[in-house]
Amino acid sequence: NEGGLLLDDLHTLSRDPTSSTWIWTRVMCRGGPCARTDASLVHLHTSCASTLVLFGGTTEMKALNDTFTLQLEPGGVAADAWHPLPARAARPSAEGEEVVPEARAGHAALAVDGLMLVLGGGDGRQGL
Protein backbone atom coordinates (compact mmCIF):
# COMPACT_ATOMS: atom_id res chain seq x y z
CA ASN A 1 0.00 0.00 0.00
CA GLU A 2 1.76 3.15 -1.22
CA GLY A 3 -0.58 5.50 0.69
CA GLY A 4 0.01 3.92 4.08
CA LEU A 5 -2.09 1.77 6.35
CA LEU A 6 -5.66 2.73 7.30
CA LEU A 7 -6.35 2.13 10.99
CA ASP A 8 -9.55 1.18 12.83
CA ASP A 9 -8.49 1.58 16.45
CA LEU A 10 -9.91 3.92 19.10
CA HIS A 11 -7.94 5.64 21.88
CA THR A 12 -8.78 7.92 24.78
CA LEU A 13 -6.61 10.67 26.14
CA SER A 14 -7.16 11.50 29.80
CA ARG A 15 -5.39 13.34 32.53
CA ASP A 16 -4.28 11.37 35.58
CA PRO A 17 -5.74 13.35 38.51
CA THR A 18 -2.92 12.39 40.86
CA SER A 19 0.02 13.35 38.64
CA SER A 20 -1.55 15.69 36.04
CA THR A 21 0.11 13.52 33.39
CA TRP A 22 -1.72 12.91 30.10
CA ILE A 23 -2.22 9.20 29.37
CA TRP A 24 -3.26 7.51 26.11
CA THR A 25 -5.30 4.29 26.46
CA ARG A 26 -6.50 2.00 23.67
CA VAL A 27 -10.22 1.22 23.90
CA MET A 28 -11.11 -2.32 22.86
CA CYS A 29 -14.54 -2.48 21.17
CA ARG A 30 -16.33 -5.25 19.30
CA GLY A 31 -18.14 -4.77 15.99
CA GLY A 32 -16.23 -1.71 14.91
CA PRO A 33 -16.36 -0.02 11.54
CA CYS A 34 -13.86 -0.90 8.83
CA ALA A 35 -10.60 1.03 8.68
CA ARG A 36 -11.17 4.43 7.06
CA THR A 37 -9.94 7.98 6.76
CA ASP A 38 -11.65 11.38 6.52
CA ALA A 39 -14.72 10.32 8.54
CA SER A 40 -16.52 12.41 11.13
CA LEU A 41 -16.73 11.50 14.80
CA VAL A 42 -18.96 13.59 17.03
CA HIS A 43 -20.18 13.38 20.61
CA LEU A 44 -23.96 13.54 21.04
CA HIS A 45 -25.02 14.22 24.59
CA THR A 46 -28.65 14.10 25.69
CA SER A 47 -30.23 13.90 29.11
CA CYS A 48 -30.37 10.10 28.93
CA ALA A 49 -27.32 9.11 26.88
CA SER A 50 -23.82 10.01 25.83
CA THR A 51 -22.91 8.63 22.42
CA LEU A 52 -20.08 8.80 19.89
CA VAL A 53 -21.34 8.81 16.29
CA LEU A 54 -19.03 7.91 13.39
CA PHE A 55 -20.22 8.75 9.87
CA GLY A 56 -18.78 8.21 6.41
CA GLY A 57 -15.18 8.50 5.39
CA THR A 58 -13.32 6.58 2.75
CA THR A 59 -11.53 3.27 2.40
CA GLU A 60 -8.80 2.74 -0.15
CA MET A 61 -11.56 1.90 -2.66
CA LYS A 62 -14.64 4.05 -2.05
CA ALA A 63 -16.46 6.70 -0.06
CA LEU A 64 -18.79 5.47 2.69
CA ASN A 65 -22.12 6.56 4.15
CA ASP A 66 -22.37 4.08 6.99
CA THR A 67 -22.99 5.20 10.56
CA PHE A 68 -21.87 3.59 13.82
CA THR A 69 -22.66 4.51 17.41
CA LEU A 70 -20.71 3.82 20.58
CA GLN A 71 -22.34 4.45 23.95
CA LEU A 72 -20.15 6.17 26.52
CA GLU A 73 -20.22 5.21 30.16
CA PRO A 74 -20.00 7.82 32.94
CA GLY A 75 -16.49 9.23 33.00
CA GLY A 76 -16.20 8.95 29.21
CA VAL A 77 -15.01 5.34 29.05
CA ALA A 78 -16.48 3.60 26.03
CA ALA A 79 -18.82 0.64 26.25
CA ASP A 80 -17.60 -2.58 24.68
CA ALA A 81 -19.24 -2.54 21.24
CA TRP A 82 -19.89 -0.31 18.23
CA HIS A 83 -23.39 -0.58 16.79
CA PRO A 84 -24.13 -0.02 13.09
CA LEU A 85 -27.05 2.29 12.47
CA PRO A 86 -29.44 0.75 9.94
CA ALA A 87 -29.37 2.61 6.62
CA ARG A 88 -33.16 2.77 6.79
CA ALA A 89 -33.04 4.92 9.93
CA ALA A 90 -33.76 7.99 7.80
CA ARG A 91 -36.94 10.03 8.12
CA PRO A 92 -38.99 10.71 5.00
CA SER A 93 -38.58 14.16 3.49
CA ALA A 94 -41.54 16.45 2.78
CA GLU A 95 -41.79 14.70 -0.59
CA GLY A 96 -41.98 11.28 1.10
CA GLU A 97 -38.47 10.18 0.09
CA GLU A 98 -36.08 8.74 2.65
CA VAL A 99 -33.14 11.07 3.05
CA VAL A 100 -29.87 9.27 3.76
CA PRO A 101 -26.69 11.28 3.19
CA GLU A 102 -24.71 10.18 0.15
CA ALA A 103 -21.38 8.46 0.67
CA ARG A 104 -18.76 11.08 1.44
CA ALA A 105 -15.41 11.83 3.02
CA GLY A 106 -13.66 15.03 4.02
CA HIS A 107 -16.95 16.51 5.24
CA ALA A 108 -17.57 18.62 8.31
CA ALA A 109 -19.76 17.44 11.18
CA LEU A 110 -20.92 19.08 14.37
CA ALA A 111 -23.06 18.02 17.33
CA VAL A 112 -25.63 20.59 18.51
CA ASP A 113 -28.43 19.97 21.01
CA GLY A 114 -28.46 16.20 20.47
CA LEU A 115 -28.34 16.50 16.65
CA MET A 116 -25.51 15.72 14.25
CA LEU A 117 -25.10 18.14 11.35
CA VAL A 118 -23.15 16.95 8.27
CA LEU A 119 -21.99 19.38 5.57
CA GLY A 120 -20.12 18.99 2.31
CA GLY A 121 -17.34 16.55 1.57
CA GLY A 122 -16.81 14.54 -1.58
CA ASP A 123 -17.52 11.10 -2.97
CA GLY A 124 -14.06 10.50 -4.43
CA ARG A 125 -15.19 10.26 -8.06
CA GLN A 126 -13.15 13.37 -8.93
CA GLY A 127 -10.77 13.22 -6.01
CA LEU A 128 -11.35 14.43 -2.48
Foldseek 3Di string as FASTA:
>chain_A
DVVDDFDFWDWDWDADPVPRDIDIDTAAAPPTDDGFPQWDWEWFDDPVFIKIKIAWGADPPWTGGWIWIWTADPVRRTDHYIHTDDQQPADADPVRHGDGDDGFGNWDWYHDNRDIDIDDGDTQPVHD
